[in-house]
Amino acid sequence: MDLLPSQEQQQIVDAARHFLEGEFPLADALQLAEGESRITREHLTRIAELGWIGIGLEEAWGGVGYGLCEEALLFVELGRALLPPSILCSVLGARIAAAGSTRGDAAEMGRVTGTILSGHCKIAAAVPRTSTSASIGDVVSGEFMLYEAGDADFALMCNTGGAALVSLSALKSLTPVSCIDPTLSAATFAADAIEASAFIATAQDDLYHRGALLCAALLLGIAEATLQRSVDYAKEREQYGKPIGSFQAIKHYCADMAIRCESLRAMLYYASVKLAQGDDSGRFDVHTCKALAVNYAQLNANTAVQIHGGMGYTQEMDIHLFVKRAQVLAGLFGGERQHLRDLLAQPRPD
């Protein structure tokens, strides 16, 4: 099995990296007020014009017509640039609106699909407070944490049974809470038999595992970005008249970070190919990938803080943003422990 990106896939990666470095420099994130999103409505429409929201959606539904593998490659770059998880919600939300069963008018859902793909509709991430605290279907109940609710139109809710879009206007009594990631706003709410605007069952389209894989891609981006920042800093920072990168201890730190990135990248590529093929064994690999991604992204981000020394703990450096974003992404689409439990509950496929 050839896991290397094709020439066309590499062009997607290169174009995305060039755009993100020019439009979303990390220095801008340090200037944001607490809870202020890096993605405005204008930014979202520009991203949509690039085709990123519909990159993996079938052309018949208005998408670009690529697949999960291309989505995964793109989301690694989005993770590098610390773009918020609302983009992931838009990608999945477009699939729900396009193909999900709905209690409303089919034409209305077609309109919603168009507004999501054009970037004129923002979708927040609603995460169950615990793995057993939510019931998600045509009717939604439970306790949730909601990220980026500020100017969102819908909330996306997902578990192993399926995924739903719920109009934000239907959510009552949002309670703002502080978020560990200062670039994200957060709130809690309790849903009591709220009717979903659209719902799609896992048997029709497995968005839970798709979301977990793309979340792992975001975490790989964090692991790679913190590695690159650590290597660059180790070349510049001098101690005792030498760059600290010449010290064996720092070399070992960076080597360990690089090994984590490479092993996670191989796992991500393999899992995306297997899941894209519709192979049930792909879920096994997604569980492995998300669990590794949570662990490795946090290890790399924490190691980067250590390599940066005293400066690594300050808000003047962007390293702390990667540490905090990794903590948030760890809980989206199942945490490390949940995926390990799911992994152990099924036999290893042949």
Protein backbone atom coordinates (compact mmCIF):
# COMPACT_ATOMS: atom_id res chain seq x y z
CA MET A 1 0.00 0.00 0.00
CA ASP A 2 1.48 3.34 -1.09
CA LEU A 3 0.89 5.85 1.69
CA LEU A 4 2.85 8.73 0.20
CA PRO A 5 0.85 11.73 -1.06
CA SER A 6 0.45 11.94 -4.82
CA GLN A 7 1.69 14.99 -6.72
CA GLU A 8 -1.83 16.43 -6.73
CA GLN A 9 -2.25 15.83 -3.00
CA GLN A 10 1.11 17.47 -2.30
CA GLN A 11 -0.04 20.52 -4.27
CA ILE A 12 -3.04 20.78 -1.94
CA VAL A 13 -0.69 20.70 1.07
CA ASP A 14 1.72 23.27 -0.40
CA ALA A 15 -1.07 25.66 -1.40
CA ALA A 16 -2.72 25.39 2.02
CA ARG A 17 0.54 26.01 3.87
CA HIS A 18 1.35 29.04 1.70
CA PHE A 19 -2.09 30.55 2.26
CA LEU A 20 -2.14 29.92 6.01
CA GLU A 21 1.35 31.31 6.59
CA GLY A 22 0.38 34.50 4.77
CA GLU A 23 -3.14 34.98 6.13
CA PHE A 24 -2.95 33.50 9.65
CA PRO A 25 0.49 34.15 11.18
CA LEU A 26 0.74 32.92 14.77
CA ALA A 27 1.81 36.39 15.88
CA ASP A 28 -1.77 37.55 15.25
CA ALA A 29 -3.13 34.92 17.66
CA LEU A 30 -1.11 36.45 20.49
CA GLN A 31 -2.90 39.76 19.96
CA LEU A 32 -6.42 38.38 20.33
CA ALA A 33 -8.58 39.22 23.31
CA GLU A 34 -9.57 36.25 25.45
CA GLY A 35 -12.24 34.21 23.70
CA GLU A 36 -11.83 36.12 20.42
CA SER A 37 -11.83 33.69 17.50
CA ARG A 38 -9.14 33.72 14.84
CA ILE A 39 -11.82 33.08 12.20
CA THR A 40 -14.20 35.89 11.37
CA ARG A 41 -17.11 35.56 8.98
CA GLU A 42 -14.96 37.17 6.30
CA HIS A 43 -12.17 34.67 6.93
CA LEU A 44 -14.61 31.79 6.72
CA THR A 45 -15.94 32.88 3.34
CA ARG A 46 -12.39 33.21 2.00
CA ILE A 47 -11.57 29.72 3.24
CA ALA A 48 -14.77 28.44 1.62
CA GLU A 49 -13.78 30.02 -1.70
CA LEU A 50 -10.68 27.81 -1.65
CA GLY A 51 -12.97 24.77 -1.52
CA TRP A 52 -11.69 23.58 1.84
CA ILE A 53 -15.07 23.13 3.51
CA GLY A 54 -16.31 20.87 0.73
CA ILE A 55 -13.00 19.28 -0.21
CA GLY A 56 -14.13 15.78 0.75
CA LEU A 57 -17.81 16.19 -0.18
CA GLU A 58 -19.23 14.61 -3.31
CA GLU A 59 -19.67 16.91 -6.30
CA ALA A 60 -23.36 15.96 -6.50
CA TRP A 61 -23.81 17.68 -3.14
CA GLY A 62 -21.84 20.78 -4.14
CA GLY A 63 -18.46 19.65 -2.87
CA VAL A 64 -15.05 19.52 -4.53
CA GLY A 65 -15.15 15.75 -4.91
CA TYR A 66 -11.89 14.66 -3.28
CA GLY A 67 -12.02 12.35 -0.27
CA LEU A 68 -11.03 11.68 3.32
CA CYS A 69 -7.32 11.36 2.50
CA GLU A 70 -7.22 14.89 1.07
CA GLU A 71 -9.22 16.18 4.04
CA ALA A 72 -6.69 14.65 6.43
CA LEU A 73 -3.74 16.26 4.61
CA LEU A 74 -5.47 19.63 4.72
CA PHE A 75 -6.30 19.37 8.42
CA VAL A 76 -2.67 18.71 9.32
CA GLU A 77 -1.90 22.15 7.89
CA LEU A 78 -4.87 23.70 9.71
CA GLY A 79 -3.52 22.23 12.94
CA ARG A 80 -0.09 23.71 12.26
CA ALA A 81 -1.69 27.15 11.91
CA LEU A 82 -3.90 26.67 15.00
CA LEU A 83 -7.11 27.35 13.12
CA PRO A 84 -10.15 26.66 15.32
CA PRO A 85 -12.21 23.44 15.35
CA SER A 86 -15.24 25.26 13.88
CA ILE A 87 -13.75 24.52 10.43
CA LEU A 88 -13.91 20.81 11.21
CA CYS A 89 -17.53 21.29 12.29
CA SER A 90 -18.30 23.04 8.99
CA VAL A 91 -16.79 20.15 7.00
CA LEU A 92 -18.86 17.58 8.90
CA GLY A 93 -21.91 19.82 9.10
CA ALA A 94 -22.05 20.11 5.31
CA ARG A 95 -22.25 16.31 5.10
CA ILE A 96 -25.05 16.20 7.66
CA ALA A 97 -27.08 18.89 5.93
CA ALA A 98 -26.54 17.32 2.51
CA ALA A 99 -27.33 13.71 3.38
CA GLY A 100 -28.92 13.65 6.82
CA SER A 101 -32.51 12.79 7.49
CA THR A 102 -34.36 15.90 8.61
CA ARG A 103 -37.67 16.77 10.14
CA GLY A 104 -37.74 19.95 8.12
CA ASP A 105 -38.06 20.75 4.47
CA ALA A 106 -35.55 19.07 2.11
CA ALA A 107 -35.18 22.29 0.13
CA GLU A 108 -34.32 24.13 3.34
CA MET A 109 -31.55 21.65 4.11
CA GLY A 110 -30.26 22.13 0.56
CA ARG A 111 -30.10 25.85 1.26
CA VAL A 112 -28.26 25.20 4.54
CA THR A 113 -25.75 22.99 2.71
CA GLY A 114 -25.08 25.82 0.28
CA THR A 115 -24.57 28.39 3.05
CA ILE A 116 -22.16 26.10 4.89
CA LEU A 117 -20.11 25.41 1.76
CA SER A 118 -20.01 29.12 0.92
CA GLY A 119 -18.80 30.02 4.41
CA HIS A 120 -21.89 32.03 5.28
CA CYS A 121 -22.90 29.63 8.05
CA LYS A 122 -20.74 28.99 11.11
CA ILE A 123 -21.00 25.81 13.15
CA ALA A 124 -19.93 25.45 16.77
CA ALA A 125 -18.71 22.24 18.39
CA ALA A 126 -20.96 20.77 21.09
CA VAL A 127 -19.09 18.11 23.07
CA PRO A 128 -20.87 15.78 25.54
CA ARG A 129 -19.66 16.48 29.07
CA THR A 130 -19.16 12.72 29.57
CA SER A 131 -19.38 9.73 27.25
CA THR A 132 -22.76 8.77 28.75
CA SER A 133 -24.29 12.22 29.27
CA ALA A 134 -25.85 12.72 25.84
CA SER A 135 -28.45 11.17 23.57
CA ILE A 136 -28.00 12.27 19.96
CA GLY A 137 -30.55 11.53 17.26
CA ASP A 138 -33.49 13.27 15.64
CA VAL A 139 -34.01 14.56 19.19
CA VAL A 140 -31.04 15.62 21.33
CA SER A 141 -30.75 15.52 25.10
CA GLY A 142 -27.87 15.78 27.56
CA GLU A 143 -25.19 18.04 28.95
CA PHE A 144 -22.70 19.62 26.57
CA MET A 145 -19.68 21.92 26.37
CA LEU A 146 -20.04 24.34 23.46
CA TYR A 147 -17.02 25.93 21.75
CA GLU A 148 -17.16 29.07 19.54
CA ALA A 149 -20.85 29.74 20.07
CA GLY A 150 -20.49 33.53 19.71
CA ASP A 151 -21.72 34.10 16.15
CA ALA A 152 -22.52 30.49 15.22
CA ASP A 153 -25.71 29.44 13.45
CA PHE A 154 -25.68 25.73 14.37
CA ALA A 155 -24.10 23.39 16.87
CA LEU A 156 -22.70 20.05 15.76
CA MET A 157 -23.17 17.11 18.15
CA CYS A 158 -21.67 13.70 17.48
CA ASN A 159 -21.24 10.32 19.14
CA THR A 160 -20.86 6.72 18.01
CA GLY A 161 -24.56 6.56 17.07
CA GLY A 162 -24.61 9.50 14.68
CA ALA A 163 -24.26 13.24 14.23
CA ALA A 164 -26.77 16.07 14.42
CA LEU A 165 -27.04 19.75 13.58
CA VAL A 166 -29.04 21.82 16.05
CA SER A 167 -29.98 25.44 15.49
CA LEU A 168 -28.24 27.62 18.06
CA SER A 169 -31.48 29.53 18.55
CA ALA A 170 -32.97 26.32 20.00
CA LEU A 171 -30.37 26.17 22.76
CA LYS A 172 -31.47 27.92 25.91
CA SER A 173 -29.56 28.96 29.01
CA LEU A 174 -26.01 28.95 27.69
CA THR A 175 -23.65 29.45 30.62
CA PRO A 176 -20.32 31.03 29.61
CA VAL A 177 -17.26 29.38 31.16
CA SER A 178 -13.56 30.07 30.89
CA CYS A 179 -11.69 28.00 28.31
CA ILE A 180 -8.13 26.79 28.73
CA ASP A 181 -7.51 27.97 25.15
CA PRO A 182 -7.73 31.79 25.14
CA THR A 183 -8.49 31.84 21.40
CA LEU A 184 -11.73 29.88 21.92
CA SER A 185 -14.92 30.84 23.73
CA ALA A 186 -16.77 28.19 25.72
CA ALA A 187 -20.15 27.67 27.33
CA THR A 188 -22.14 24.84 28.87
CA PHE A 189 -25.77 23.95 28.29
CA ALA A 190 -28.29 21.21 28.99
CA ALA A 191 -30.48 20.02 26.12
CA ASP A 192 -33.88 18.58 27.00
CA ALA A 193 -35.41 16.81 23.99
CA ILE A 194 -34.37 19.46 21.45
CA GLU A 195 -35.37 18.67 17.88
CA ALA A 196 -32.39 18.45 15.53
CA SER A 197 -32.43 20.36 12.25
CA ALA A 198 -30.72 17.37 10.62
CA PHE A 199 -29.42 14.02 11.80
CA ILE A 200 -27.38 11.32 10.08
CA ALA A 201 -26.88 7.88 11.62
CA THR A 202 -23.47 6.24 11.73
CA ALA A 203 -24.75 3.41 9.52
CA GLN A 204 -25.35 5.98 6.77
CA ASP A 205 -22.17 8.02 7.19
CA ASP A 206 -19.72 7.39 10.03
CA LEU A 207 -19.02 10.99 10.99
CA TYR A 208 -17.85 10.14 14.50
CA HIS A 209 -14.81 8.22 13.28
CA ARG A 210 -14.30 10.66 10.40
CA GLY A 211 -14.26 13.52 12.90
CA ALA A 212 -11.89 11.63 15.20
CA LEU A 213 -9.48 11.08 12.30
CA LEU A 214 -9.55 14.72 11.22
CA CYS A 215 -9.11 15.78 14.85
CA ALA A 216 -6.03 13.53 14.95
CA ALA A 217 -4.79 15.36 11.85
CA LEU A 218 -5.13 18.68 13.68
CA LEU A 219 -3.15 17.22 16.57
CA LEU A 220 -0.44 16.01 14.18
CA GLY A 221 -0.19 19.58 12.91
CA ILE A 222 0.39 20.72 16.49
CA ALA A 223 3.06 18.06 17.03
CA GLU A 224 4.86 19.11 13.84
CA ALA A 225 4.60 22.84 14.52
CA THR A 226 6.03 22.51 18.04
CA LEU A 227 8.86 20.34 16.70
CA GLN A 228 9.75 22.93 14.05
CA ARG A 229 9.66 25.77 16.58
CA SER A 230 11.86 23.82 18.96
CA VAL A 231 14.47 23.05 16.30
CA ASP A 232 14.52 26.67 15.11
CA TYR A 233 14.88 27.97 18.67
CA ALA A 234 17.63 25.45 19.48
CA LYS A 235 19.66 26.74 16.52
CA GLU A 236 19.37 30.38 17.65
CA ARG A 237 19.50 30.26 21.46
CA GLU A 238 23.06 30.21 22.80
CA GLN A 239 24.34 29.11 26.17
CA TYR A 240 27.98 28.93 27.23
CA GLY A 241 28.85 30.37 23.82
CA LYS A 242 27.17 27.56 21.87
CA PRO A 243 23.71 27.02 20.34
CA ILE A 244 21.71 24.86 22.73
CA GLY A 245 20.94 22.58 19.79
CA SER A 246 24.53 21.33 20.00
CA PHE A 247 23.88 19.88 23.46
CA GLN A 248 23.10 16.18 23.45
CA ALA A 249 20.14 16.47 25.80
CA ILE A 250 18.40 18.92 23.45
CA LYS A 251 19.19 16.70 20.46
CA HIS A 252 17.51 13.79 22.25
CA TYR A 253 14.41 15.89 22.97
CA CYS A 254 14.12 16.95 19.33
CA ALA A 255 14.78 13.44 18.04
CA ASP A 256 12.00 12.05 20.24
CA MET A 257 9.64 14.75 18.98
CA ALA A 258 10.51 13.93 15.36
CA ILE A 259 9.94 10.20 15.90
CA ARG A 260 6.50 10.92 17.37
CA CYS A 261 5.58 13.03 14.34
CA GLU A 262 6.70 10.41 11.84
CA SER A 263 4.97 7.51 13.57
CA LEU A 264 1.75 9.50 13.97
CA ARG A 265 1.89 10.64 10.34
CA ALA A 266 2.22 7.03 9.15
CA MET A 267 -0.70 6.00 11.36
CA LEU A 268 -2.84 8.90 10.10
CA TYR A 269 -2.17 8.10 6.44
CA TYR A 270 -2.91 4.42 6.93
CA ALA A 271 -6.10 5.02 8.93
CA SER A 272 -7.40 7.57 6.41
CA VAL A 273 -6.90 5.14 3.52
CA LYS A 274 -8.59 2.30 5.39
CA LEU A 275 -11.55 4.40 6.55
CA ALA A 276 -11.96 5.95 3.09
CA GLN A 277 -12.25 2.45 1.63
CA GLY A 278 -15.24 1.79 3.85
CA ASP A 279 -13.39 -1.06 5.54
CA ASP A 280 -14.80 -1.78 9.02
CA SER A 281 -11.24 -2.44 10.20
CA GLY A 282 -10.55 1.24 9.54
CA ARG A 283 -12.32 2.09 12.79
CA PHE A 284 -9.74 0.05 14.70
CA ASP A 285 -6.99 2.17 13.15
CA VAL A 286 -8.87 5.41 13.84
CA HIS A 287 -9.05 4.52 17.55
CA THR A 288 -5.29 3.94 17.52
CA CYS A 289 -4.64 7.14 15.59
CA LYS A 290 -6.69 9.43 17.84
CA ALA A 291 -5.24 7.96 21.03
CA LEU A 292 -1.69 8.36 19.72
CA ALA A 293 -2.42 11.87 18.44
CA VAL A 294 -3.68 13.07 21.82
CA ASN A 295 -0.63 11.65 23.57
CA TYR A 296 2.01 12.73 21.05
CA ALA A 297 0.69 16.27 20.47
CA GLN A 298 0.65 16.94 24.20
CA LEU A 299 4.10 15.42 24.70
CA ASN A 300 5.59 17.48 21.86
CA ALA A 301 3.95 20.70 23.01
CA ASN A 302 5.10 20.19 26.59
CA THR A 303 8.62 19.30 25.44
CA ALA A 304 8.70 22.47 23.33
CA VAL A 305 7.99 24.48 26.47
CA GLN A 306 10.98 22.84 28.16
CA ILE A 307 13.30 23.48 25.19
CA HIS A 308 12.30 27.14 25.19
CA GLY A 309 13.25 27.32 28.86
CA GLY A 310 11.96 30.23 30.93
CA MET A 311 10.60 31.94 27.81
CA GLY A 312 8.48 28.90 27.07
CA TYR A 313 6.26 29.63 30.05
CA THR A 314 5.49 33.21 29.04
CA GLN A 315 2.53 34.51 27.07
CA GLU A 316 4.90 36.37 24.74
CA MET A 317 5.72 33.03 23.09
CA ASP A 318 3.14 31.16 21.02
CA ILE A 319 4.11 27.74 22.41
CA HIS A 320 1.53 27.97 25.18
CA LEU A 321 -1.23 28.24 22.56
CA PHE A 322 -0.27 24.84 21.13
CA VAL A 323 -0.25 23.31 24.61
CA LYS A 324 -3.74 24.62 25.31
CA ARG A 325 -5.22 23.77 21.90
CA ALA A 326 -3.96 20.19 22.26
CA GLN A 327 -5.89 19.97 25.54
CA VAL A 328 -9.11 21.08 23.85
CA LEU A 329 -8.74 18.79 20.83
CA ALA A 330 -8.03 15.87 23.16
CA GLY A 331 -11.70 15.88 24.17
CA LEU A 332 -13.27 16.26 20.72
CA PHE A 333 -14.68 13.09 19.12
CA GLY A 334 -13.60 10.96 22.04
CA GLY A 335 -10.68 11.32 24.39
CA GLU A 336 -7.62 9.11 24.62
CA ARG A 337 -9.09 6.80 27.26
CA GLN A 338 -12.36 6.38 25.38
CA HIS A 339 -10.59 5.41 22.16
CA LEU A 340 -8.32 3.01 24.03
CA ARG A 341 -11.40 1.38 25.60
CA ASP A 342 -13.01 1.08 22.17
CA LEU A 343 -9.77 -0.30 20.79
CA LEU A 344 -9.55 -3.02 23.43
CA ALA A 345 -13.21 -3.92 22.97
CA GLN A 346 -12.72 -5.24 19.45
CA PRO A 347 -10.40 -7.85 17.95
CA ARG A 348 -7.51 -6.76 15.76
CA PRO A 349 -8.63 -7.18 12.13
CA ASP A 350 -6.66 -9.46 9.82
